[in-house]
């Protein structure tokens, strides 16, 4: 251990905390708080993509695109609810994912080889920061393209 020019040790006292330790503690706590706030938002976004893929798979057999879009947007509304402040200041529960069927791009290209389906939409997701009563909005997008070829599993036996 080196001695300081005044004769004292450079190290903090045993059990003391240095500024580096305090900074690391603040970073870990802040990162945990942000993860607690934002991980559910992105987990729900993964679920939104799964729902979109599910309805794209249904489009292989079902030819009614408007019905598929209507059912998909209804399913998205039922995935989760969040509380947002209303006009009078009280908290109101609303769907976390609200997509208008008119804002969904649903393009079926049967002339392509193989036939393709392109689905794209964006939605605004309210996000609440717990313990601070702060809200923000995250705009998330889904843009998927899928092959519409009917699978051939060979002769059935």
N, C-alpha and C. Protein backbone atom coordinates (compact mmCIF):
# COMPACT_ATOMS: atom_id res chain seq x y z
N UNK A 1 0.85 -1.16 0.00
CA UNK A 1 0.00 0.00 0.00
C UNK A 1 0.90 1.23 0.00
N UNK A 2 0.58 2.16 -0.89
CA UNK A 2 1.35 3.40 -0.96
C UNK A 2 0.87 4.37 0.09
N UNK A 3 1.77 5.17 0.53
CA UNK A 3 1.40 6.20 1.52
C UNK A 3 1.19 7.52 0.81
N UNK A 4 0.23 8.27 1.25
CA UNK A 4 -0.07 9.60 0.74
C UNK A 4 1.03 10.54 1.24
N UNK A 5 1.38 11.62 0.53
CA UNK A 5 2.44 12.52 1.00
C UNK A 5 2.21 13.04 2.42
N UNK A 6 0.98 13.06 2.85
CA UNK A 6 0.72 13.53 4.23
C UNK A 6 0.93 12.41 5.23
N UNK A 7 1.18 11.19 4.74
CA UNK A 7 1.42 10.07 5.61
C UNK A 7 0.20 9.18 5.79
N UNK A 8 -0.95 9.58 5.22
CA UNK A 8 -2.15 8.76 5.34
C UNK A 8 -2.27 7.80 4.15
N UNK A 9 -3.06 6.77 4.31
CA UNK A 9 -3.29 5.78 3.26
C UNK A 9 -4.18 6.39 2.17
N UNK A 10 -3.97 5.95 0.91
CA UNK A 10 -4.78 6.41 -0.22
C UNK A 10 -6.13 5.69 -0.25
N UNK A 11 -6.20 4.47 0.28
CA UNK A 11 -7.42 3.68 0.26
C UNK A 11 -8.44 4.23 1.24
N UNK A 12 -9.74 4.07 0.89
CA UNK A 12 -10.76 4.46 1.87
C UNK A 12 -10.75 3.47 3.04
N UNK A 13 -11.36 3.86 4.10
CA UNK A 13 -11.41 3.00 5.27
C UNK A 13 -12.14 1.71 4.93
N UNK A 14 -11.79 0.64 5.61
CA UNK A 14 -12.41 -0.66 5.36
C UNK A 14 -13.93 -0.53 5.56
N UNK A 15 -14.69 -1.02 4.58
CA UNK A 15 -16.13 -0.93 4.65
C UNK A 15 -16.67 0.37 4.07
N UNK A 16 -15.80 1.29 3.70
CA UNK A 16 -16.24 2.55 3.11
C UNK A 16 -16.63 2.35 1.66
N UNK A 17 -17.25 3.34 1.08
CA UNK A 17 -17.68 3.27 -0.31
C UNK A 17 -16.98 4.37 -1.09
N UNK A 18 -16.44 4.00 -2.24
CA UNK A 18 -15.76 4.99 -3.08
C UNK A 18 -16.76 5.57 -4.07
N UNK A 19 -16.37 6.61 -4.77
CA UNK A 19 -17.26 7.22 -5.75
C UNK A 19 -17.53 6.27 -6.91
N UNK A 20 -16.57 5.39 -7.23
CA UNK A 20 -16.77 4.42 -8.31
C UNK A 20 -17.84 3.41 -7.90
N UNK A 21 -17.78 2.94 -6.68
CA UNK A 21 -18.79 1.99 -6.19
C UNK A 21 -20.16 2.65 -6.17
N UNK A 22 -20.24 3.89 -5.74
CA UNK A 22 -21.51 4.60 -5.72
C UNK A 22 -22.06 4.78 -7.13
N UNK A 23 -21.19 5.11 -8.08
CA UNK A 23 -21.61 5.27 -9.47
C UNK A 23 -22.12 3.95 -10.04
N UNK A 24 -21.42 2.87 -9.78
CA UNK A 24 -21.86 1.55 -10.26
C UNK A 24 -23.20 1.16 -9.64
N UNK A 25 -23.39 1.45 -8.38
CA UNK A 25 -24.66 1.15 -7.72
C UNK A 25 -25.80 1.95 -8.36
N UNK A 26 -25.57 3.22 -8.64
CA UNK A 26 -26.59 4.06 -9.28
C UNK A 26 -26.90 3.53 -10.68
N UNK A 27 -25.88 3.12 -11.43
CA UNK A 27 -26.10 2.59 -12.78
C UNK A 27 -26.89 1.28 -12.74
N UNK A 28 -26.59 0.41 -11.79
CA UNK A 28 -27.30 -0.86 -11.70
C UNK A 28 -28.76 -0.63 -11.30
N UNK A 29 -29.00 0.22 -10.33
CA UNK A 29 -30.37 0.51 -9.90
C UNK A 29 -31.14 1.21 -11.02
N UNK A 30 -30.53 2.17 -11.70
CA UNK A 30 -31.19 2.86 -12.82
C UNK A 30 -31.49 1.91 -13.97
N UNK A 31 -30.53 1.04 -14.30
CA UNK A 31 -30.76 0.06 -15.36
C UNK A 31 -31.87 -0.91 -15.01
N UNK A 32 -31.93 -1.32 -13.74
CA UNK A 32 -33.00 -2.21 -13.30
C UNK A 32 -34.36 -1.53 -13.39
N UNK A 33 -34.41 -0.26 -13.03
CA UNK A 33 -35.66 0.50 -13.11
C UNK A 33 -36.13 0.62 -14.56
N UNK A 34 -35.21 0.96 -15.46
CA UNK A 34 -35.58 1.07 -16.88
C UNK A 34 -35.99 -0.28 -17.45
N UNK A 35 -35.32 -1.35 -17.04
CA UNK A 35 -35.71 -2.68 -17.50
C UNK A 35 -37.10 -3.03 -16.98
N UNK A 36 -37.38 -2.70 -15.71
CA UNK A 36 -38.69 -2.96 -15.12
C UNK A 36 -39.79 -2.21 -15.88
N UNK A 37 -39.46 -1.04 -16.42
CA UNK A 37 -40.43 -0.23 -17.14
C UNK A 37 -40.58 -0.67 -18.60
N UNK A 38 -39.47 -0.92 -19.29
CA UNK A 38 -39.52 -1.11 -20.74
C UNK A 38 -39.55 -2.56 -21.21
N UNK A 39 -39.08 -3.53 -20.42
CA UNK A 39 -39.11 -4.92 -20.88
C UNK A 39 -40.54 -5.39 -21.17
N UNK A 40 -41.55 -5.07 -20.31
CA UNK A 40 -42.92 -5.48 -20.67
C UNK A 40 -43.42 -4.88 -21.98
N UNK A 41 -42.96 -3.68 -22.32
CA UNK A 41 -43.38 -3.05 -23.57
C UNK A 41 -42.88 -3.87 -24.76
N UNK A 42 -41.62 -4.28 -24.72
CA UNK A 42 -41.05 -5.04 -25.83
C UNK A 42 -41.51 -6.49 -25.84
N UNK A 43 -41.82 -7.06 -24.67
CA UNK A 43 -42.40 -8.40 -24.65
C UNK A 43 -43.78 -8.41 -25.30
N UNK A 44 -44.57 -7.38 -25.04
CA UNK A 44 -45.87 -7.27 -25.69
C UNK A 44 -45.71 -7.05 -27.20
N UNK A 45 -44.69 -6.31 -27.60
CA UNK A 45 -44.44 -6.09 -29.03
C UNK A 45 -44.11 -7.42 -29.73
N UNK A 46 -43.40 -8.30 -29.05
CA UNK A 46 -43.12 -9.63 -29.62
C UNK A 46 -44.43 -10.40 -29.78
N UNK A 47 -45.32 -10.28 -28.81
CA UNK A 47 -46.62 -10.93 -28.90
C UNK A 47 -47.45 -10.35 -30.04
N UNK A 48 -47.35 -9.04 -30.27
CA UNK A 48 -48.06 -8.40 -31.39
C UNK A 48 -47.56 -8.99 -32.72
N UNK A 49 -46.26 -9.17 -32.85
CA UNK A 49 -45.72 -9.77 -34.08
C UNK A 49 -46.21 -11.21 -34.25
N UNK A 50 -46.31 -11.94 -33.14
CA UNK A 50 -46.80 -13.32 -33.23
C UNK A 50 -48.25 -13.35 -33.71
N UNK A 51 -49.07 -12.43 -33.23
CA UNK A 51 -50.47 -12.37 -33.68
C UNK A 51 -50.52 -12.03 -35.17
N UNK A 52 -49.70 -11.09 -35.60
CA UNK A 52 -49.68 -10.73 -37.03
C UNK A 52 -49.26 -11.95 -37.87
N UNK A 53 -48.26 -12.69 -37.42
CA UNK A 53 -47.84 -13.89 -38.16
C UNK A 53 -48.94 -14.95 -38.19
N UNK A 54 -49.66 -15.06 -37.07
CA UNK A 54 -50.76 -16.03 -37.00
C UNK A 54 -51.80 -15.74 -38.08
N UNK A 55 -52.17 -14.48 -38.23
CA UNK A 55 -53.18 -14.13 -39.22
C UNK A 55 -52.61 -14.16 -40.63
N UNK A 56 -51.33 -13.97 -40.77
CA UNK A 56 -50.70 -14.14 -42.09
C UNK A 56 -50.74 -15.62 -42.48
N UNK A 57 -50.52 -16.50 -41.52
CA UNK A 57 -50.60 -17.94 -41.81
C UNK A 57 -52.03 -18.34 -42.18
N UNK A 58 -53.03 -17.73 -41.54
CA UNK A 58 -54.41 -18.02 -41.88
C UNK A 58 -54.73 -17.56 -43.31
N UNK A 59 -54.01 -16.59 -43.81
CA UNK A 59 -54.27 -16.06 -45.16
C UNK A 59 -53.89 -17.06 -46.24
N UNK A 60 -53.14 -18.10 -45.88
CA UNK A 60 -52.82 -19.13 -46.87
C UNK A 60 -54.10 -19.79 -47.37
N UNK A 61 -55.02 -20.09 -46.46
CA UNK A 61 -56.28 -20.75 -46.83
C UNK A 61 -57.44 -19.76 -46.97
N UNK A 62 -57.48 -18.74 -46.13
CA UNK A 62 -58.59 -17.77 -46.12
C UNK A 62 -58.29 -16.65 -47.11
N UNK A 63 -59.23 -16.38 -48.02
CA UNK A 63 -59.02 -15.37 -49.05
C UNK A 63 -59.61 -14.00 -48.70
N UNK A 64 -60.40 -13.90 -47.64
CA UNK A 64 -61.04 -12.65 -47.27
C UNK A 64 -60.08 -11.80 -46.44
N UNK A 65 -59.39 -10.91 -47.13
CA UNK A 65 -58.39 -10.08 -46.46
C UNK A 65 -59.01 -9.12 -45.46
N UNK A 66 -60.16 -8.53 -45.79
CA UNK A 66 -60.78 -7.58 -44.86
C UNK A 66 -61.20 -8.26 -43.57
N UNK A 67 -61.71 -9.50 -43.66
CA UNK A 67 -62.09 -10.23 -42.46
C UNK A 67 -60.86 -10.55 -41.61
N UNK A 68 -59.77 -10.93 -42.25
CA UNK A 68 -58.54 -11.24 -41.52
C UNK A 68 -57.99 -10.01 -40.81
N UNK A 69 -58.04 -8.86 -41.47
CA UNK A 69 -57.55 -7.62 -40.86
C UNK A 69 -58.43 -7.24 -39.67
N UNK A 70 -59.75 -7.35 -39.84
CA UNK A 70 -60.67 -7.03 -38.73
C UNK A 70 -60.43 -7.92 -37.53
N UNK A 71 -60.28 -9.21 -37.77
CA UNK A 71 -60.06 -10.15 -36.66
C UNK A 71 -58.70 -9.93 -36.00
N UNK A 72 -57.69 -9.63 -36.82
CA UNK A 72 -56.36 -9.40 -36.27
C UNK A 72 -56.35 -8.16 -35.37
N UNK A 73 -56.96 -7.06 -35.83
CA UNK A 73 -56.97 -5.85 -35.02
C UNK A 73 -57.79 -6.04 -33.75
N UNK A 74 -58.86 -6.84 -33.83
CA UNK A 74 -59.62 -7.13 -32.60
C UNK A 74 -58.77 -7.94 -31.62
N UNK A 75 -58.05 -8.92 -32.12
CA UNK A 75 -57.18 -9.74 -31.26
C UNK A 75 -56.09 -8.88 -30.62
N UNK A 76 -55.53 -7.93 -31.38
CA UNK A 76 -54.49 -7.05 -30.84
C UNK A 76 -55.04 -6.20 -29.70
N UNK A 77 -56.30 -5.75 -29.82
CA UNK A 77 -56.91 -4.94 -28.76
C UNK A 77 -57.07 -5.72 -27.47
N UNK A 78 -57.23 -7.03 -27.57
CA UNK A 78 -57.49 -7.84 -26.38
C UNK A 78 -56.22 -8.36 -25.72
N UNK A 79 -55.06 -8.08 -26.25
CA UNK A 79 -53.81 -8.62 -25.69
C UNK A 79 -53.53 -8.10 -24.29
N UNK A 80 -53.65 -6.81 -24.07
CA UNK A 80 -53.33 -6.22 -22.76
C UNK A 80 -54.02 -4.88 -22.63
N UNK A 81 -54.14 -4.45 -21.39
CA UNK A 81 -54.68 -3.12 -21.09
C UNK A 81 -53.68 -2.37 -20.23
N UNK A 82 -53.68 -1.04 -20.37
CA UNK A 82 -52.83 -0.18 -19.55
C UNK A 82 -53.69 0.95 -19.00
N UNK A 83 -53.22 1.52 -17.92
CA UNK A 83 -53.91 2.67 -17.33
C UNK A 83 -53.26 3.94 -17.83
N UNK A 84 -54.09 4.86 -18.30
CA UNK A 84 -53.61 6.17 -18.75
C UNK A 84 -54.45 7.25 -18.09
N UNK A 85 -53.88 8.44 -17.90
CA UNK A 85 -54.68 9.51 -17.30
C UNK A 85 -55.74 10.00 -18.28
N UNK A 86 -56.96 10.18 -17.78
CA UNK A 86 -58.04 10.68 -18.64
C UNK A 86 -58.12 12.20 -18.52
N UNK A 87 -59.12 12.77 -19.18
CA UNK A 87 -59.29 14.22 -19.19
C UNK A 87 -59.45 14.80 -17.78
N UNK A 88 -60.18 14.07 -16.93
CA UNK A 88 -60.44 14.60 -15.58
C UNK A 88 -59.35 14.23 -14.57
N UNK A 89 -58.28 13.58 -15.02
CA UNK A 89 -57.16 13.27 -14.14
C UNK A 89 -57.19 11.89 -13.52
N UNK A 90 -58.29 11.17 -13.67
CA UNK A 90 -58.35 9.81 -13.14
C UNK A 90 -57.70 8.84 -14.12
N UNK A 91 -57.36 7.66 -13.62
CA UNK A 91 -56.75 6.65 -14.48
C UNK A 91 -57.84 5.83 -15.15
N UNK A 92 -57.69 5.62 -16.44
CA UNK A 92 -58.64 4.86 -17.25
C UNK A 92 -57.90 3.71 -17.92
N UNK A 93 -58.52 2.53 -17.94
CA UNK A 93 -57.91 1.38 -18.60
C UNK A 93 -58.28 1.41 -20.09
N UNK A 94 -57.25 1.31 -20.93
CA UNK A 94 -57.42 1.30 -22.37
C UNK A 94 -56.59 0.15 -22.95
N UNK A 95 -56.92 -0.32 -24.16
CA UNK A 95 -56.09 -1.36 -24.78
C UNK A 95 -54.66 -0.84 -24.99
N UNK A 96 -53.68 -1.70 -24.70
CA UNK A 96 -52.28 -1.31 -24.88
C UNK A 96 -51.93 -1.19 -26.35
N UNK A 97 -52.58 -2.00 -27.18
CA UNK A 97 -52.32 -1.97 -28.63
C UNK A 97 -53.63 -1.65 -29.33
N UNK A 98 -53.70 -0.47 -29.89
CA UNK A 98 -54.89 -0.02 -30.60
C UNK A 98 -54.49 0.25 -32.05
N UNK A 99 -54.96 -0.61 -32.95
CA UNK A 99 -54.64 -0.47 -34.37
C UNK A 99 -55.95 -0.37 -35.15
N UNK A 100 -56.09 0.69 -35.90
CA UNK A 100 -57.27 0.87 -36.75
C UNK A 100 -57.10 0.00 -38.00
N UNK A 101 -58.12 -0.78 -38.37
CA UNK A 101 -58.00 -1.62 -39.56
C UNK A 101 -57.63 -0.84 -40.83
N UNK A 102 -58.05 0.42 -40.90
CA UNK A 102 -57.71 1.24 -42.07
C UNK A 102 -56.23 1.60 -42.15
N UNK A 103 -55.52 1.49 -41.04
CA UNK A 103 -54.08 1.82 -41.02
C UNK A 103 -53.19 0.60 -41.20
N UNK A 104 -53.77 -0.55 -41.48
CA UNK A 104 -52.99 -1.77 -41.70
C UNK A 104 -52.73 -1.93 -43.19
N UNK A 105 -51.47 -2.09 -43.54
CA UNK A 105 -51.12 -2.41 -44.92
C UNK A 105 -51.16 -3.93 -45.04
N UNK A 106 -52.05 -4.42 -45.87
CA UNK A 106 -52.23 -5.86 -46.07
C UNK A 106 -52.23 -6.09 -47.57
N UNK A 107 -51.07 -6.42 -48.13
CA UNK A 107 -50.92 -6.54 -49.58
C UNK A 107 -50.63 -7.99 -49.95
N UNK A 108 -51.55 -8.57 -50.68
CA UNK A 108 -51.40 -9.95 -51.15
C UNK A 108 -50.94 -9.89 -52.61
N UNK A 109 -49.77 -10.46 -52.89
CA UNK A 109 -49.23 -10.47 -54.25
C UNK A 109 -49.26 -11.90 -54.77
N UNK A 110 -50.33 -12.22 -55.50
CA UNK A 110 -50.48 -13.59 -56.02
C UNK A 110 -49.72 -13.79 -57.32
N UNK A 111 -49.25 -12.69 -57.93
CA UNK A 111 -48.50 -12.80 -59.19
C UNK A 111 -47.04 -13.16 -58.96
N UNK A 112 -46.54 -12.92 -57.78
CA UNK A 112 -45.14 -13.22 -57.47
C UNK A 112 -44.95 -14.73 -57.36
N UNK A 113 -43.73 -15.16 -57.56
CA UNK A 113 -43.37 -16.57 -57.41
C UNK A 113 -42.35 -16.68 -56.31
N UNK A 114 -42.66 -17.19 -55.17
CA UNK A 114 -43.92 -17.67 -54.65
C UNK A 114 -44.83 -16.51 -54.28
N UNK A 115 -46.14 -16.75 -54.15
CA UNK A 115 -47.06 -15.67 -53.76
C UNK A 115 -46.69 -15.14 -52.37
N UNK A 116 -46.79 -13.82 -52.20
CA UNK A 116 -46.36 -13.19 -50.96
C UNK A 116 -47.48 -12.38 -50.33
N UNK A 117 -47.37 -12.22 -49.01
CA UNK A 117 -48.27 -11.35 -48.27
C UNK A 117 -47.41 -10.41 -47.45
N UNK A 118 -47.67 -9.11 -47.59
CA UNK A 118 -46.94 -8.08 -46.84
C UNK A 118 -47.92 -7.42 -45.88
N UNK A 119 -47.57 -7.42 -44.59
CA UNK A 119 -48.40 -6.79 -43.56
C UNK A 119 -47.54 -5.79 -42.81
N UNK A 120 -48.05 -4.57 -42.66
CA UNK A 120 -47.31 -3.54 -41.93
C UNK A 120 -48.30 -2.63 -41.21
N UNK A 121 -47.94 -2.23 -40.00
CA UNK A 121 -48.72 -1.25 -39.25
C UNK A 121 -47.86 -0.72 -38.11
N UNK A 122 -48.27 0.41 -37.60
CA UNK A 122 -47.62 1.02 -36.44
C UNK A 122 -48.68 1.28 -35.39
N UNK A 123 -48.24 1.30 -34.15
CA UNK A 123 -49.16 1.63 -33.07
C UNK A 123 -48.41 2.41 -31.99
N UNK A 124 -49.16 3.20 -31.26
CA UNK A 124 -48.59 4.01 -30.18
C UNK A 124 -48.94 3.32 -28.87
N UNK A 125 -47.91 3.03 -28.09
CA UNK A 125 -48.08 2.30 -26.83
C UNK A 125 -47.81 3.24 -25.67
N UNK A 126 -48.81 3.50 -24.80
CA UNK A 126 -48.55 4.33 -23.62
C UNK A 126 -47.65 3.56 -22.64
N UNK A 127 -46.68 4.26 -22.07
CA UNK A 127 -45.74 3.66 -21.11
C UNK A 127 -45.75 4.50 -19.85
N UNK A 128 -45.93 3.84 -18.72
CA UNK A 128 -45.95 4.54 -17.43
C UNK A 128 -44.68 4.22 -16.67
N UNK A 129 -44.02 5.27 -16.17
CA UNK A 129 -42.87 5.09 -15.30
C UNK A 129 -43.38 4.95 -13.87
N UNK A 130 -43.25 3.76 -13.27
CA UNK A 130 -43.77 3.57 -11.92
C UNK A 130 -43.06 4.44 -10.89
N UNK A 131 -43.77 4.75 -9.84
CA UNK A 131 -43.30 5.53 -8.69
C UNK A 131 -43.10 7.01 -8.99
N UNK A 132 -43.16 7.43 -10.25
CA UNK A 132 -42.98 8.84 -10.58
C UNK A 132 -44.22 9.46 -11.22
N UNK A 133 -45.22 8.67 -11.52
CA UNK A 133 -46.44 9.13 -12.19
C UNK A 133 -46.13 9.90 -13.47
N UNK A 134 -45.20 9.38 -14.24
CA UNK A 134 -44.86 9.96 -15.54
C UNK A 134 -45.31 9.00 -16.62
N UNK A 135 -45.81 9.55 -17.72
CA UNK A 135 -46.22 8.75 -18.87
C UNK A 135 -45.47 9.25 -20.10
N UNK A 136 -45.22 8.31 -21.00
CA UNK A 136 -44.66 8.63 -22.30
C UNK A 136 -45.32 7.70 -23.31
N UNK A 137 -45.02 7.90 -24.57
CA UNK A 137 -45.57 7.05 -25.63
C UNK A 137 -44.43 6.50 -26.47
N UNK A 138 -44.55 5.24 -26.81
CA UNK A 138 -43.59 4.59 -27.69
C UNK A 138 -44.31 4.19 -28.97
N UNK A 139 -43.77 4.58 -30.11
CA UNK A 139 -44.35 4.18 -31.39
C UNK A 139 -43.60 2.95 -31.88
N UNK A 140 -44.32 1.85 -32.01
CA UNK A 140 -43.72 0.59 -32.42
C UNK A 140 -44.31 0.18 -33.77
N UNK A 141 -43.50 -0.47 -34.58
CA UNK A 141 -43.92 -0.85 -35.94
C UNK A 141 -43.76 -2.35 -36.16
N UNK A 142 -44.64 -2.87 -36.99
CA UNK A 142 -44.57 -4.26 -37.44
C UNK A 142 -44.54 -4.21 -38.96
N UNK A 143 -43.59 -4.91 -39.56
CA UNK A 143 -43.46 -4.95 -41.01
C UNK A 143 -42.99 -6.36 -41.38
N UNK A 144 -43.92 -7.19 -41.86
CA UNK A 144 -43.63 -8.60 -42.11
C UNK A 144 -44.03 -8.98 -43.53
N UNK A 145 -43.29 -9.90 -44.11
CA UNK A 145 -43.61 -10.47 -45.42
C UNK A 145 -43.54 -11.97 -45.29
N UNK A 146 -44.53 -12.65 -45.85
CA UNK A 146 -44.57 -14.10 -45.71
C UNK A 146 -44.99 -14.76 -47.01
N UNK A 147 -44.50 -15.96 -47.21
CA UNK A 147 -44.82 -16.79 -48.36
C UNK A 147 -46.22 -17.38 -48.18
N UNK A 148 -47.05 -17.31 -49.22
CA UNK A 148 -48.41 -17.83 -49.16
C UNK A 148 -48.58 -19.18 -49.86
N UNK A 149 -47.48 -19.85 -50.14
CA UNK A 149 -47.56 -21.14 -50.80
C UNK A 149 -48.18 -22.17 -49.86
N UNK A 150 -49.15 -22.93 -50.37
CA UNK A 150 -49.75 -24.00 -49.58
C UNK A 150 -48.73 -25.11 -49.48
N UNK A 151 -48.38 -25.53 -48.26
CA UNK A 151 -47.37 -26.59 -48.12
C UNK A 151 -47.87 -27.92 -48.67
N UNK A 152 -46.95 -28.64 -49.30
CA UNK A 152 -47.25 -29.96 -49.83
C UNK A 152 -46.55 -30.97 -48.93
N UNK A 153 -47.32 -31.69 -48.14
CA UNK A 153 -46.77 -32.65 -47.20
C UNK A 153 -46.67 -34.04 -47.79
N UNK A 154 -46.87 -34.16 -49.08
CA UNK A 154 -46.78 -35.48 -49.73
C UNK A 154 -48.12 -36.19 -49.69
N UNK A 155 -48.16 -37.40 -50.23
CA UNK A 155 -49.43 -38.13 -50.24
C UNK A 155 -49.84 -38.53 -48.83
N UNK A 156 -51.13 -38.37 -48.56
CA UNK A 156 -51.63 -38.78 -47.24
C UNK A 156 -51.90 -40.28 -47.25
N UNK A 157 -51.66 -40.93 -46.14
CA UNK A 157 -51.82 -42.37 -46.12
C UNK A 157 -52.92 -42.80 -45.23
